Amino acid sequence: MRTTLLSLVIDAAEIDAESAFWQRVLGASVTKTASHHFLQADGFPALVVQAVPGHVPPTWPDGNDQQLHFDLRTDDPAETHRLVLEAGGRCLEPGQRSGVRVYASPAGHPFCVRPS
């Protein structure tokens, strides 16, 4: 038996903002339906942004549970930082000691950016 990862699904109340954010950060293409946006980016499984009215964003590091989070790697942390902020993300932890920065997407999902 072989099992493969088909997709990662992200819940969001505002799927347009969330999918536009990930499209820009990952350089993905997007196919949209009324309730789901399907993103495809090189090196990633399909990323699906799913409409969930009333979605309560996780809070980091304490508070509402994180259902999952991404770890991204970059060879240009400063450029990635700029891109994430311009795309609508926010920095939760600047990573001054470890170099790993923690961000949140527009829907509040935390993710880490690690230097190569």
PDB file of N, CA and C in Angstrom:
ATOM      1  N   MET A   1       0.842  -1.178   0.000  1.00  0.00           N
ATOM      2  CA  MET A   1       0.000   0.000   0.000  1.00  0.00           C
ATOM      3  C   MET A   1       0.885   1.239   0.000  1.00  0.00           C
ATOM      4  N   ARG A   2       0.482   2.244  -0.746  1.00  0.00           N
ATOM      5  CA  ARG A   2       1.198   3.510  -0.780  1.00  0.00           C
ATOM      6  C   ARG A   2       0.221   4.630  -0.456  1.00  0.00           C
ATOM      7  N   THR A   3       0.574   5.468   0.467  1.00  0.00           N
ATOM      8  CA  THR A   3      -0.254   6.611   0.835  1.00  0.00           C
ATOM      9  C   THR A   3       0.527   7.881   0.547  1.00  0.00           C
ATOM     10  N   THR A   4      -0.109   8.850  -0.095  1.00  0.00           N
ATOM     11  CA  THR A   4       0.540  10.113  -0.399  1.00  0.00           C
ATOM     12  C   THR A   4      -0.299  11.273   0.117  1.00  0.00           C
ATOM     13  N   LEU A   5       0.350  12.379   0.357  1.00  0.00           N
ATOM     14  CA  LEU A   5      -0.343  13.582   0.805  1.00  0.00           C
ATOM     15  C   LEU A   5      -0.978  14.259  -0.399  1.00  0.00           C
ATOM     16  N   LEU A   6      -2.290  14.373  -0.386  1.00  0.00           N
ATOM     17  CA  LEU A   6      -3.025  14.976  -1.488  1.00  0.00           C
ATOM     18  C   LEU A   6      -3.062  16.494  -1.356  1.00  0.00           C
ATOM     19  N   SER A   7      -3.425  16.989  -0.168  1.00  0.00           N
ATOM     20  CA  SER A   7      -3.549  18.428   0.000  1.00  0.00           C
ATOM     21  C   SER A   7      -3.497  18.797   1.476  1.00  0.00           C
ATOM     22  N   LEU A   8      -3.263  20.070   1.714  1.00  0.00           N
ATOM     23  CA  LEU A   8      -3.380  20.663   3.042  1.00  0.00           C
ATOM     24  C   LEU A   8      -4.537  21.642   2.960  1.00  0.00           C
ATOM     25  N   VAL A   9      -5.443  21.609   3.930  1.00  0.00           N
ATOM     26  CA  VAL A   9      -6.643  22.435   3.895  1.00  0.00           C
ATOM     27  C   VAL A   9      -6.571  23.456   5.022  1.00  0.00           C
ATOM     28  N   ILE A  10      -6.807  24.714   4.665  1.00  0.00           N
ATOM     29  CA  ILE A  10      -6.758  25.823   5.617  1.00  0.00           C
ATOM     30  C   ILE A  10      -8.159  26.394   5.740  1.00  0.00           C
ATOM     31  N   ASP A  11      -8.667  26.480   6.955  1.00  0.00           N
ATOM     32  CA  ASP A  11      -9.969  27.095   7.192  1.00  0.00           C
ATOM     33  C   ASP A  11      -9.822  28.607   7.267  1.00  0.00           C
ATOM     34  N   ALA A  12     -10.793  29.328   6.715  1.00  0.00           N
ATOM     35  CA  ALA A  12     -10.781  30.784   6.775  1.00  0.00           C
ATOM     36  C   ALA A  12     -12.191  31.322   6.575  1.00  0.00           C
ATOM     37  N   ALA A  13     -12.508  32.378   7.288  1.00  0.00           N
ATOM     38  CA  ALA A  13     -13.788  33.052   7.087  1.00  0.00           C
ATOM     39  C   ALA A  13     -13.760  33.831   5.775  1.00  0.00           C
ATOM     40  N   GLU A  14     -12.627  34.452   5.468  1.00  0.00           N
ATOM     41  CA  GLU A  14     -12.443  35.254   4.250  1.00  0.00           C
ATOM     42  C   GLU A  14     -11.472  34.524   3.317  1.00  0.00           C
ATOM     43  N   ILE A  15     -11.999  33.643   2.469  1.00  0.00           N
ATOM     44  CA  ILE A  15     -11.107  32.818   1.656  1.00  0.00           C
ATOM     45  C   ILE A  15     -10.374  33.627   0.589  1.00  0.00           C
ATOM     46  N   ASP A  16     -10.933  34.733   0.124  1.00  0.00           N
ATOM     47  CA  ASP A  16     -10.232  35.538  -0.876  1.00  0.00           C
ATOM     48  C   ASP A  16      -8.929  36.089  -0.318  1.00  0.00           C
ATOM     49  N   ALA A  17      -8.978  36.660   0.882  1.00  0.00           N
ATOM     50  CA  ALA A  17      -7.769  37.226   1.501  1.00  0.00           C
ATOM     51  C   ALA A  17      -6.755  36.139   1.812  1.00  0.00           C
ATOM     52  N   GLU A  18      -7.210  35.011   2.335  1.00  0.00           N
ATOM     53  CA  GLU A  18      -6.297  33.936   2.714  1.00  0.00           C
ATOM     54  C   GLU A  18      -5.641  33.311   1.480  1.00  0.00           C
ATOM     55  N   SER A  19      -6.417  33.041   0.444  1.00  0.00           N
ATOM     56  CA  SER A  19      -5.822  32.431  -0.742  1.00  0.00           C
ATOM     57  C   SER A  19      -4.920  33.419  -1.484  1.00  0.00           C
ATOM     58  N   ALA A  20      -5.274  34.698  -1.517  1.00  0.00           N
ATOM     59  CA  ALA A  20      -4.409  35.698  -2.155  1.00  0.00           C
ATOM     60  C   ALA A  20      -3.074  35.793  -1.428  1.00  0.00           C
ATOM     61  N   PHE A  21      -3.114  35.700  -0.093  1.00  0.00           N
ATOM     62  CA  PHE A  21      -1.889  35.727   0.703  1.00  0.00           C
ATOM     63  C   PHE A  21      -0.975  34.569   0.326  1.00  0.00           C
ATOM     64  N   TRP A  22      -1.490  33.338   0.376  1.00  0.00           N
ATOM     65  CA  TRP A  22      -0.657  32.168   0.078  1.00  0.00           C
ATOM     66  C   TRP A  22      -0.249  32.144  -1.384  1.00  0.00           C
ATOM     67  N   GLN A  23      -1.095  32.613  -2.288  1.00  0.00           N
ATOM     68  CA  GLN A  23      -0.733  32.694  -3.702  1.00  0.00           C
ATOM     69  C   GLN A  23       0.501  33.566  -3.871  1.00  0.00           C
ATOM     70  N   ARG A  24       0.518  34.704  -3.204  1.00  0.00           N
ATOM     71  CA  ARG A  24       1.647  35.621  -3.345  1.00  0.00           C
ATOM     72  C   ARG A  24       2.902  35.085  -2.666  1.00  0.00           C
ATOM     73  N   VAL A  25       2.766  34.584  -1.447  1.00  0.00           N
ATOM     74  CA  VAL A  25       3.939  34.106  -0.704  1.00  0.00           C
ATOM     75  C   VAL A  25       4.575  32.890  -1.383  1.00  0.00           C
ATOM     76  N   LEU A  26       3.760  31.983  -1.908  1.00  0.00           N
ATOM     77  CA  LEU A  26       4.283  30.746  -2.504  1.00  0.00           C
ATOM     78  C   LEU A  26       4.423  30.805  -4.024  1.00  0.00           C
ATOM     79  N   GLY A  27       3.937  31.875  -4.649  1.00  0.00           N
ATOM     80  CA  GLY A  27       3.982  31.947  -6.107  1.00  0.00           C
ATOM     81  C   GLY A  27       3.080  30.912  -6.749  1.00  0.00           C
ATOM     82  N   ALA A  28       1.912  30.707  -6.161  1.00  0.00           N
ATOM     83  CA  ALA A  28       1.007  29.636  -6.581  1.00  0.00           C
ATOM     84  C   ALA A  28       0.001  30.109  -7.631  1.00  0.00           C
ATOM     85  N   SER A  29      -0.550  29.143  -8.348  1.00  0.00           N
ATOM     86  CA  SER A  29      -1.711  29.404  -9.201  1.00  0.00           C
ATOM     87  C   SER A  29      -2.956  29.038  -8.384  1.00  0.00           C
ATOM     88  N   VAL A  30      -4.086  29.663  -8.705  1.00  0.00           N
ATOM     89  CA  VAL A  30      -5.315  29.449  -7.931  1.00  0.00           C
ATOM     90  C   VAL A  30      -6.471  29.104  -8.857  1.00  0.00           C
ATOM     91  N   THR A  31      -7.241  28.100  -8.456  1.00  0.00           N
ATOM     92  CA  THR A  31      -8.509  27.760  -9.091  1.00  0.00           C
ATOM     93  C   THR A  31      -9.577  27.914  -8.019  1.00  0.00           C
ATOM     94  N   LYS A  32     -10.648  28.683  -8.331  1.00  0.00           N
ATOM     95  CA  LYS A  32     -11.633  29.028  -7.312  1.00  0.00           C
ATOM     96  C   LYS A  32     -13.004  28.412  -7.577  1.00  0.00           C
ATOM     97  N   THR A  33     -13.622  27.971  -6.483  1.00  0.00           N
ATOM     98  CA  THR A  33     -15.051  27.678  -6.475  1.00  0.00           C
ATOM     99  C   THR A  33     -15.637  28.587  -5.396  1.00  0.00           C
ATOM    100  N   ALA A  34     -16.929  28.537  -5.192  1.00  0.00           N
ATOM    101  CA  ALA A  34     -17.560  29.408  -4.196  1.00  0.00           C
ATOM    102  C   ALA A  34     -17.071  29.123  -2.783  1.00  0.00           C
ATOM    103  N   SER A  35     -16.758  27.869  -2.482  1.00  0.00           N
ATOM    104  CA  SER A  35     -16.410  27.513  -1.108  1.00  0.00           C
ATOM    105  C   SER A  35     -14.967  27.061  -0.907  1.00  0.00           C
ATOM    106  N   HIS A  36     -14.225  26.881  -1.995  1.00  0.00           N
ATOM    107  CA  HIS A  36     -12.847  26.404  -1.901  1.00  0.00           C
ATOM    108  C   HIS A  36     -11.979  27.088  -2.947  1.00  0.00           C
ATOM    109  N   HIS A  37     -10.756  27.415  -2.549  1.00  0.00           N
ATOM    110  CA  HIS A  37      -9.747  27.902  -3.488  1.00  0.00           C
ATOM    111  C   HIS A  37      -8.603  26.899  -3.477  1.00  0.00           C
ATOM    112  N   PHE A  38      -8.229  26.404  -4.639  1.00  0.00           N
ATOM    113  CA  PHE A  38      -7.208  25.371  -4.786  1.00  0.00           C
ATOM    114  C   PHE A  38      -5.931  26.024  -5.300  1.00  0.00           C
ATOM    115  N   LEU A  39      -4.862  25.951  -4.509  1.00  0.00           N
ATOM    116  CA  LEU A  39      -3.589  26.556  -4.879  1.00  0.00           C
ATOM    117  C   LEU A  39      -2.582  25.476  -5.203  1.00  0.00           C
ATOM    118  N   GLN A  40      -1.818  25.726  -6.249  1.00  0.00           N
ATOM    119  CA  GLN A  40      -0.759  24.804  -6.624  1.00  0.00           C
ATOM    120  C   GLN A  40       0.528  25.595  -6.781  1.00  0.00           C
ATOM    121  N   ALA A  41       1.562  25.175  -6.049  1.00  0.00           N
ATOM    122  CA  ALA A  41       2.871  25.826  -6.110  1.00  0.00           C
ATOM    123  C   ALA A  41       3.934  24.753  -6.228  1.00  0.00           C
ATOM    124  N   ASP A  42       4.982  25.052  -6.955  1.00  0.00           N
ATOM    125  CA  ASP A  42       6.085  24.105  -7.105  1.00  0.00           C
ATOM    126  C   ASP A  42       6.625  23.707  -5.737  1.00  0.00           C
ATOM    127  N   GLY A  43       6.824  22.414  -5.537  1.00  0.00           N
ATOM    128  CA  GLY A  43       7.404  21.914  -4.299  1.00  0.00           C
ATOM    129  C   GLY A  43       6.423  21.725  -3.161  1.00  0.00           C
ATOM    130  N   PHE A  44       5.128  21.958  -3.399  1.00  0.00           N
ATOM    131  CA  PHE A  44       4.119  21.831  -2.346  1.00  0.00           C
ATOM    132  C   PHE A  44       3.010  20.896  -2.803  1.00  0.00           C
ATOM    133  N   PRO A  45       2.376  20.193  -1.847  1.00  0.00           N
ATOM    134  CA  PRO A  45       1.134  19.516  -2.207  1.00  0.00           C
ATOM    135  C   PRO A  45       0.078  20.593  -2.447  1.00  0.00           C
ATOM    136  N   ALA A  46      -1.055  20.212  -2.972  1.00  0.00           N
ATOM    137  CA  ALA A  46      -2.130  21.188  -3.170  1.00  0.00           C
ATOM    138  C   ALA A  46      -2.483  21.830  -1.823  1.00  0.00           C
ATOM    139  N   LEU A  47      -2.722  23.117  -1.872  1.00  0.00           N
ATOM    140  CA  LEU A  47      -3.146  23.867  -0.692  1.00  0.00           C
ATOM    141  C   LEU A  47      -4.570  24.316  -0.972  1.00  0.00           C
ATOM    142  N   VAL A  48      -5.491  23.981  -0.077  1.00  0.00           N
ATOM    143  CA  VAL A  48      -6.898  24.300  -0.289  1.00  0.00           C
ATOM    144  C   VAL A  48      -7.344  25.246   0.823  1.00  0.00           C
ATOM    145  N   VAL A  49      -7.871  26.396   0.426  1.00  0.00           N
ATOM    146  CA  VAL A  49      -8.447  27.324   1.394  1.00  0.00           C
ATOM    147  C   VAL A  49      -9.950  27.091   1.361  1.00  0.00           C
ATOM    148  N   GLN A  50     -10.492  26.734   2.507  1.00  0.00           N
ATOM    149  CA  GLN A  50     -11.883  26.318   2.630  1.00  0.00           C
ATOM    150  C   GLN A  50     -12.678  27.363   3.395  1.00  0.00           C
ATOM    151  N   ALA A  51     -13.825  27.772   2.862  1.00  0.00           N
ATOM    152  CA  ALA A  51     -14.682  28.747   3.529  1.00  0.00           C
ATOM    153  C   ALA A  51     -15.314  28.127   4.771  1.00  0.00           C
ATOM    154  N   VAL A  52     -15.070  28.752   5.912  1.00  0.00           N
ATOM    155  CA  VAL A  52     -15.651  28.320   7.174  1.00  0.00           C
ATOM    156  C   VAL A  52     -16.209  29.575   7.857  1.00  0.00           C
ATOM    157  N   PRO A  53     -17.485  29.882   7.625  1.00  0.00           N
ATOM    158  CA  PRO A  53     -18.068  31.058   8.268  1.00  0.00           C
ATOM    159  C   PRO A  53     -17.929  30.951   9.787  1.00  0.00           C
ATOM    160  N   GLY A  54     -17.550  32.044  10.411  1.00  0.00           N
ATOM    161  CA  GLY A  54     -17.380  32.033  11.857  1.00  0.00           C
ATOM    162  C   GLY A  54     -16.071  31.436  12.318  1.00  0.00           C
ATOM    163  N   HIS A  55     -15.145  31.207  11.400  1.00  0.00           N
ATOM    164  CA  HIS A  55     -13.842  30.649  11.780  1.00  0.00           C
ATOM    165  C   HIS A  55     -13.201  31.509  12.858  1.00  0.00           C
ATOM    166  N   VAL A  56     -12.715  30.878  13.913  1.00  0.00           N
ATOM    167  CA  VAL A  56     -12.000  31.564  14.986  1.00  0.00           C
ATOM    168  C   VAL A  56     -10.514  31.289  14.793  1.00  0.00           C
ATOM    169  N   PRO A  57      -9.726  32.337  14.490  1.00  0.00           N
ATOM    170  CA  PRO A  57      -8.304  32.113  14.251  1.00  0.00           C
ATOM    171  C   PRO A  57      -7.596  31.590  15.486  1.00  0.00           C
ATOM    172  N   PRO A  58      -6.588  30.739  15.293  1.00  0.00           N
ATOM    173  CA  PRO A  58      -5.766  30.329  16.425  1.00  0.00           C
ATOM    174  C   PRO A  58      -4.982  31.539  16.929  1.00  0.00           C
ATOM    175  N   THR A  59      -4.590  31.520  18.176  1.00  0.00           N
ATOM    176  CA  THR A  59      -3.741  32.573  18.715  1.00  0.00           C
ATOM    177  C   THR A  59      -2.433  31.937  19.123  1.00  0.00           C
ATOM    178  N   TRP A  60      -1.366  32.656  18.900  1.00  0.00           N
ATOM    179  CA  TRP A  60      -0.041  32.106  19.125  1.00  0.00           C
ATOM    180  C   TRP A  60       0.697  32.997  20.096  1.00  0.00           C
ATOM    181  N   PRO A  61       1.402  32.468  21.044  1.00  0.00           N
ATOM    182  CA  PRO A  61       1.657  31.051  21.285  1.00  0.00           C
ATOM    183  C   PRO A  61       0.619  30.391  22.186  1.00  0.00           C
ATOM    184  N   ASP A  62      -0.207  31.170  22.865  1.00  0.00           N
ATOM    185  CA  ASP A  62      -1.212  30.603  23.771  1.00  0.00           C
ATOM    186  C   ASP A  62      -2.598  30.981  23.274  1.00  0.00           C
ATOM    187  N   GLY A  63      -3.600  30.267  23.691  1.00  0.00           N
ATOM    188  CA  GLY A  63      -4.968  30.619  23.330  1.00  0.00           C
ATOM    189  C   GLY A  63      -5.604  29.547  22.491  1.00  0.00           C
ATOM    190  N   ASN A  64      -6.367  29.972  21.476  1.00  0.00           N
ATOM    191  CA  ASN A  64      -7.060  29.020  20.602  1.00  0.00           C
ATOM    192  C   ASN A  64      -6.040  28.091  19.960  1.00  0.00           C
ATOM    193  N   ASP A  65      -6.380  26.818  19.888  1.00  0.00           N
ATOM    194  CA  ASP A  65      -5.464  25.808  19.355  1.00  0.00           C
ATOM    195  C   ASP A  65      -5.083  26.067  17.906  1.00  0.00           C
ATOM    196  N   GLN A  66      -3.830  25.744  17.597  1.00  0.00           N
ATOM    197  CA  GLN A  66      -3.389  25.690  16.215  1.00  0.00           C
ATOM    198  C   GLN A  66      -3.791  24.321  15.690  1.00  0.00           C
ATOM    199  N   GLN A  67      -4.438  24.288  14.555  1.00  0.00           N
ATOM    200  CA  GLN A  67      -4.752  22.989  13.971  1.00  0.00           C
ATOM    201  C   GLN A  67      -3.516  22.431  13.261  1.00  0.00           C
ATOM    202  N   LEU A  68      -2.712  23.292  12.677  1.00  0.00           N
ATOM    203  CA  LEU A  68      -1.462  22.923  12.037  1.00  0.00           C
ATOM    204  C   LEU A  68      -0.708  24.211  11.802  1.00  0.00           C
ATOM    205  N   HIS A  69       0.551  24.095  11.445  1.00  0.00           N
ATOM    206  CA  HIS A  69       1.262  25.278  10.959  1.00  0.00           C
ATOM    207  C   HIS A  69       2.303  24.847   9.947  1.00  0.00           C
ATOM    208  N   PHE A  70       2.703  25.793   9.108  1.00  0.00           N
ATOM    209  CA  PHE A  70       3.705  25.557   8.084  1.00  0.00           C
ATOM    210  C   PHE A  70       5.063  25.976   8.593  1.00  0.00           C
ATOM    211  N   ASP A  71       6.097  25.311   8.140  1.00  0.00           N
ATOM    212  CA  ASP A  71       7.474  25.767   8.268  1.00  0.00           C
ATOM    213  C   ASP A  71       7.983  25.975   6.843  1.00  0.00           C
ATOM    214  N   LEU A  72       8.379  27.193   6.524  1.00  0.00           N
ATOM    215  CA  LEU A  72       8.946  27.508   5.221  1.00  0.00           C
ATOM    216  C   LEU A  72      10.426  27.781   5.390  1.00  0.00           C
ATOM    217  N   ARG A  73      11.205  27.521   4.341  1.00  0.00           N
ATOM    218  CA  ARG A  73      12.637  27.811   4.360  1.00  0.00           C
ATOM    219  C   ARG A  73      12.908  28.831   3.263  1.00  0.00           C
ATOM    220  N   THR A  74      13.794  29.799   3.556  1.00  0.00           N
ATOM    221  CA  THR A  74      14.114  30.827   2.577  1.00  0.00           C
ATOM    222  C   THR A  74      15.613  31.092   2.525  1.00  0.00           C
ATOM    223  N   ASP A  75      16.081  31.459   1.344  1.00  0.00           N
ATOM    224  CA  ASP A  75      17.473  31.861   1.225  1.00  0.00           C
ATOM    225  C   ASP A  75      17.625  33.379   1.351  1.00  0.00           C
ATOM    226  N   ASP A  76      16.497  34.102   1.512  1.00  0.00           N
ATOM    227  CA  ASP A  76      16.528  35.558   1.673  1.00  0.00           C
ATOM    228  C   ASP A  76      15.500  35.974   2.727  1.00  0.00           C
ATOM    229  N   PRO A  77      15.849  35.844   4.018  1.00  0.00           N
ATOM    230  CA  PRO A  77      14.887  36.165   5.074  1.00  0.00           C
ATOM    231  C   PRO A  77      14.334  37.587   5.005  1.00  0.00           C
ATOM    232  N   ALA A  78      15.156  38.559   4.648  1.00  0.00           N
ATOM    233  CA  ALA A  78      14.684  39.949   4.595  1.00  0.00           C
ATOM    234  C   ALA A  78      13.641  40.125   3.492  1.00  0.00           C
ATOM    235  N   GLU A  79      13.881  39.549   2.333  1.00  0.00           N
ATOM    236  CA  GLU A  79      12.927  39.658   1.235  1.00  0.00           C
ATOM    237  C   GLU A  79      11.644  38.902   1.549  1.00  0.00           C
ATOM    238  N   THR A  80      11.767  37.731   2.155  1.00  0.00           N
ATOM    239  CA  THR A  80      10.582  36.961   2.540  1.00  0.00           C
ATOM    240  C   THR A  80       9.768  37.722   3.580  1.00  0.00           C
ATOM    241  N   HIS A  81      10.433  38.348   4.535  1.00  0.00           N
ATOM    242  CA  HIS A  81       9.754  39.166   5.549  1.00  0.00           C
ATOM    243  C   HIS A  81       8.952  40.280   4.870  1.00  0.00           C
ATOM    244  N   ARG A  82       9.587  40.983   3.956  1.00  0.00           N
ATOM    245  CA  ARG A  82       8.911  42.071   3.239  1.00  0.00           C
ATOM    246  C   ARG A  82       7.697  41.536   2.476  1.00  0.00           C
ATOM    247  N   LEU A  83       7.874  40.434   1.762  1.00  0.00           N
ATOM    248  CA  LEU A  83       6.797  39.853   0.970  1.00  0.00           C
ATOM    249  C   LEU A  83       5.623  39.428   1.844  1.00  0.00           C
ATOM    250  N   VAL A  84       5.915  38.757   2.957  1.00  0.00           N
ATOM    251  CA  VAL A  84       4.852  38.293   3.851  1.00  0.00           C
ATOM    252  C   VAL A  84       4.041  39.478   4.377  1.00  0.00           C
ATOM    253  N   LEU A  85       4.709  40.540   4.794  1.00  0.00           N
ATOM    254  CA  LEU A  85       4.005  41.711   5.313  1.00  0.00           C
ATOM    255  C   LEU A  85       3.203  42.416   4.223  1.00  0.00           C
ATOM    256  N   GLU A  86       3.791  42.577   3.041  1.00  0.00           N
ATOM    257  CA  GLU A  86       3.076  43.214   1.928  1.00  0.00           C
ATOM    258  C   GLU A  86       1.862  42.407   1.494  1.00  0.00           C
ATOM    259  N   ALA A  87       1.944  41.089   1.627  1.00  0.00           N
ATOM    260  CA  ALA A  87       0.847  40.210   1.213  1.00  0.00           C
ATOM    261  C   ALA A  87      -0.281  40.166   2.242  1.00  0.00           C
ATOM    262  N   GLY A  88      -0.086  40.784   3.416  1.00  0.00           N
ATOM    263  CA  GLY A  88      -1.145  40.823   4.415  1.00  0.00           C
ATOM    264  C   GLY A  88      -0.882  40.014   5.663  1.00  0.00           C
ATOM    265  N   GLY A  89       0.295  39.398   5.773  1.00  0.00           N
ATOM    266  CA  GLY A  89       0.648  38.658   6.984  1.00  0.00           C
ATOM    267  C   GLY A  89       1.144  39.602   8.058  1.00  0.00           C
ATOM    268  N   ARG A  90       1.330  39.068   9.246  1.00  0.00           N
ATOM    269  CA  ARG A  90       1.901  39.876  10.330  1.00  0.00           C
ATOM    270  C   ARG A  90       2.938  39.042  11.081  1.00  0.00           C
ATOM    271  N   CYS A  91       3.944  39.736  11.591  1.00  0.00           N
ATOM    272  CA  CYS A  91       5.020  39.075  12.311  1.00  0.00           C
ATOM    273  C   CYS A  91       4.609  38.895  13.762  1.00  0.00           C
ATOM    274  N   LEU A  92       4.676  37.673  14.265  1.00  0.00           N
ATOM    275  CA  LEU A  92       4.333  37.377  15.651  1.00  0.00           C
ATOM    276  C   LEU A  92       5.571  37.311  16.528  1.00  0.00           C
ATOM    277  N   GLU A  93       6.680  36.864  15.950  1.00  0.00           N
ATOM    278  CA  GLU A  93       7.937  36.760  16.689  1.00  0.00           C
ATOM    279  C   GLU A  93       9.080  36.992  15.706  1.00  0.00           C
ATOM    280  N   PRO A  94       9.942  37.987  15.977  1.00  0.00           N
ATOM    281  CA  PRO A  94      10.962  38.363  15.001  1.00  0.00           C
ATOM    282  C   PRO A  94      12.136  37.398  14.870  1.00  0.00           C
ATOM    283  N   GLY A  95      12.293  36.446  15.751  1.00  0.00           N
ATOM    284  CA  GLY A  95      13.351  35.448  15.608  1.00  0.00           C
ATOM    285  C   GLY A  95      14.742  35.979  15.822  1.00  0.00           C
ATOM    286  N   GLN A  96      14.889  36.893  16.731  1.00  0.00           N
ATOM    287  CA  GLN A  96      16.184  37.525  16.953  1.00  0.00           C
ATOM    288  C   GLN A  96      17.237  36.554  17.458  1.00  0.00           C
ATOM    289  N   ARG A  97      16.841  35.553  18.222  1.00  0.00           N
ATOM    290  CA  ARG A  97      17.835  34.602  18.751  1.00  0.00           C
ATOM    291  C   ARG A  97      18.089  33.454  17.790  1.00  0.00           C
ATOM    292  N   SER A  98      17.049  32.851  17.275  1.00  0.00           N
ATOM    293  CA  SER A  98      17.203  31.634  16.470  1.00  0.00           C
ATOM    294  C   SER A  98      17.238  31.897  14.970  1.00  0.00           C
ATOM    295  N   GLY A  99      16.817  33.071  14.544  1.00  0.00           N
ATOM    296  CA  GLY A  99      16.704  33.340  13.122  1.00  0.00           C
ATOM    297  C   GLY A  99      15.393  32.867  12.526  1.00  0.00           C
ATOM    298  N   VAL A 100      14.602  32.123  13.299  1.00  0.00           N
ATOM    299  CA  VAL A 100      13.301  31.653  12.832  1.00  0.00           C
ATOM    300  C   VAL A 100      12.258  32.699  13.205  1.00  0.00           C
ATOM    301  N   ARG A 101      11.564  33.207  12.191  1.00  0.00           N
ATOM    302  CA  ARG A 101      10.502  34.179  12.431  1.00  0.00           C
ATOM    303  C   ARG A 101       9.159  33.477  12.375  1.00  0.00           C
ATOM    304  N   VAL A 102       8.252  33.897  13.257  1.00  0.00           N
ATOM    305  CA  VAL A 102       6.906  33.355  13.283  1.00  0.00           C
ATOM    306  C   VAL A 102       5.964  34.444  12.769  1.00  0.00           C
ATOM    307  N   TYR A 103       5.108  34.059  11.834  1.00  0.00           N
ATOM    308  CA  TYR A 103       4.148  34.970  11.221  1.00  0.00           C
ATOM    309  C   TYR A 103       2.738  34.398  11.365  1.00  0.00           C
ATOM    310  N   ALA A 104       1.748  35.211  11.024  1.00  0.00           N
ATOM    311  CA  ALA A 104       0.370  34.754  10.908  1.00  0.00           C
ATOM    312  C   ALA A 104      -0.161  35.190   9.555  1.00  0.00           C
ATOM    313  N   SER A 105      -0.921  34.317   8.930  1.00  0.00           N
ATOM    314  CA  SER A 105      -1.581  34.641   7.666  1.00  0.00           C
ATOM    315  C   SER A 105      -2.769  35.563   7.960  1.00  0.00           C
ATOM    316  N   PRO A 106      -3.443  36.094   6.935  1.00  0.00           N
ATOM    317  CA  PRO A 106      -4.598  36.949   7.189  1.00  0.00           C
ATOM    318  C   PRO A 106      -5.686  36.294   8.039  1.00  0.00           C
ATOM    319  N   ALA A 107      -5.856  34.972   7.931  1.00  0.00           N
ATOM    320  CA  ALA A 107      -6.857  34.277   8.747  1.00  0.00           C
ATOM    321  C   ALA A 107      -6.326  33.920  10.127  1.00  0.00           C
ATOM    322  N   GLY A 108      -5.085  34.315  10.441  1.00  0.00           N
ATOM    323  CA  GLY A 108      -4.520  34.093  11.764  1.00  0.00           C
ATOM    324  C   GLY A 108      -3.755  32.800  11.939  1.00  0.00           C
ATOM    325  N   HIS A 109      -3.511  32.051  10.853  1.00  0.00           N
ATOM    326  CA  HIS A 109      -2.792  30.788  10.971  1.00  0.00           C
ATOM    327  C   HIS A 109      -1.291  31.043  11.104  1.00  0.00           C
ATOM    328  N   PRO A 110      -0.669  30.592  12.195  1.00  0.00           N
ATOM    329  CA  PRO A 110       0.768  30.797  12.379  1.00  0.00           C
ATOM    330  C   PRO A 110       1.592  29.941  11.418  1.00  0.00           C
ATOM    331  N   PHE A 111       2.736  30.484  11.023  1.00  0.00           N
ATOM    332  CA  PHE A 111       3.714  29.718  10.248  1.00  0.00           C
ATOM    333  C   PHE A 111       5.099  30.287  10.531  1.00  0.00           C
ATOM    334  N   CYS A 112       6.101  29.425  10.349  1.00  0.00           N
ATOM    335  CA  CYS A 112       7.489  29.807  10.629  1.00  0.00           C
ATOM    336  C   CYS A 112       8.244  29.954   9.316  1.00  0.00           C
ATOM    337  N   VAL A 113       9.175  30.910   9.294  1.00  0.00           N
ATOM    338  CA  VAL A 113      10.097  31.061   8.166  1.00  0.00           C
ATOM    339  C   VAL A 113      11.495  30.875   8.717  1.00  0.00           C
ATOM    340  N   ARG A 114      12.174  29.866   8.196  1.00  0.00           N
ATOM    341  CA  ARG A 114      13.524  29.516   8.647  1.00  0.00           C
ATOM    342  C   ARG A 114      14.532  29.884   7.572  1.00  0.00           C
ATOM    343  N   PRO A 115      15.662  30.435   7.974  1.00  0.00           N
ATOM    344  CA  PRO A 115      16.709  30.702   6.984  1.00  0.00           C
ATOM    345  C   PRO A 115      17.326  29.396   6.491  1.00  0.00           C
ATOM    346  N   SER A 116      17.772  29.391   5.239  1.00  0.00           N
ATOM    347  CA  SER A 116      18.427  28.198   4.675  1.00  0.00           C
ATOM    348  C   SER A 116      19.729  27.927   5.363  1.00  0.00           C
TER     349      SER A 116
END
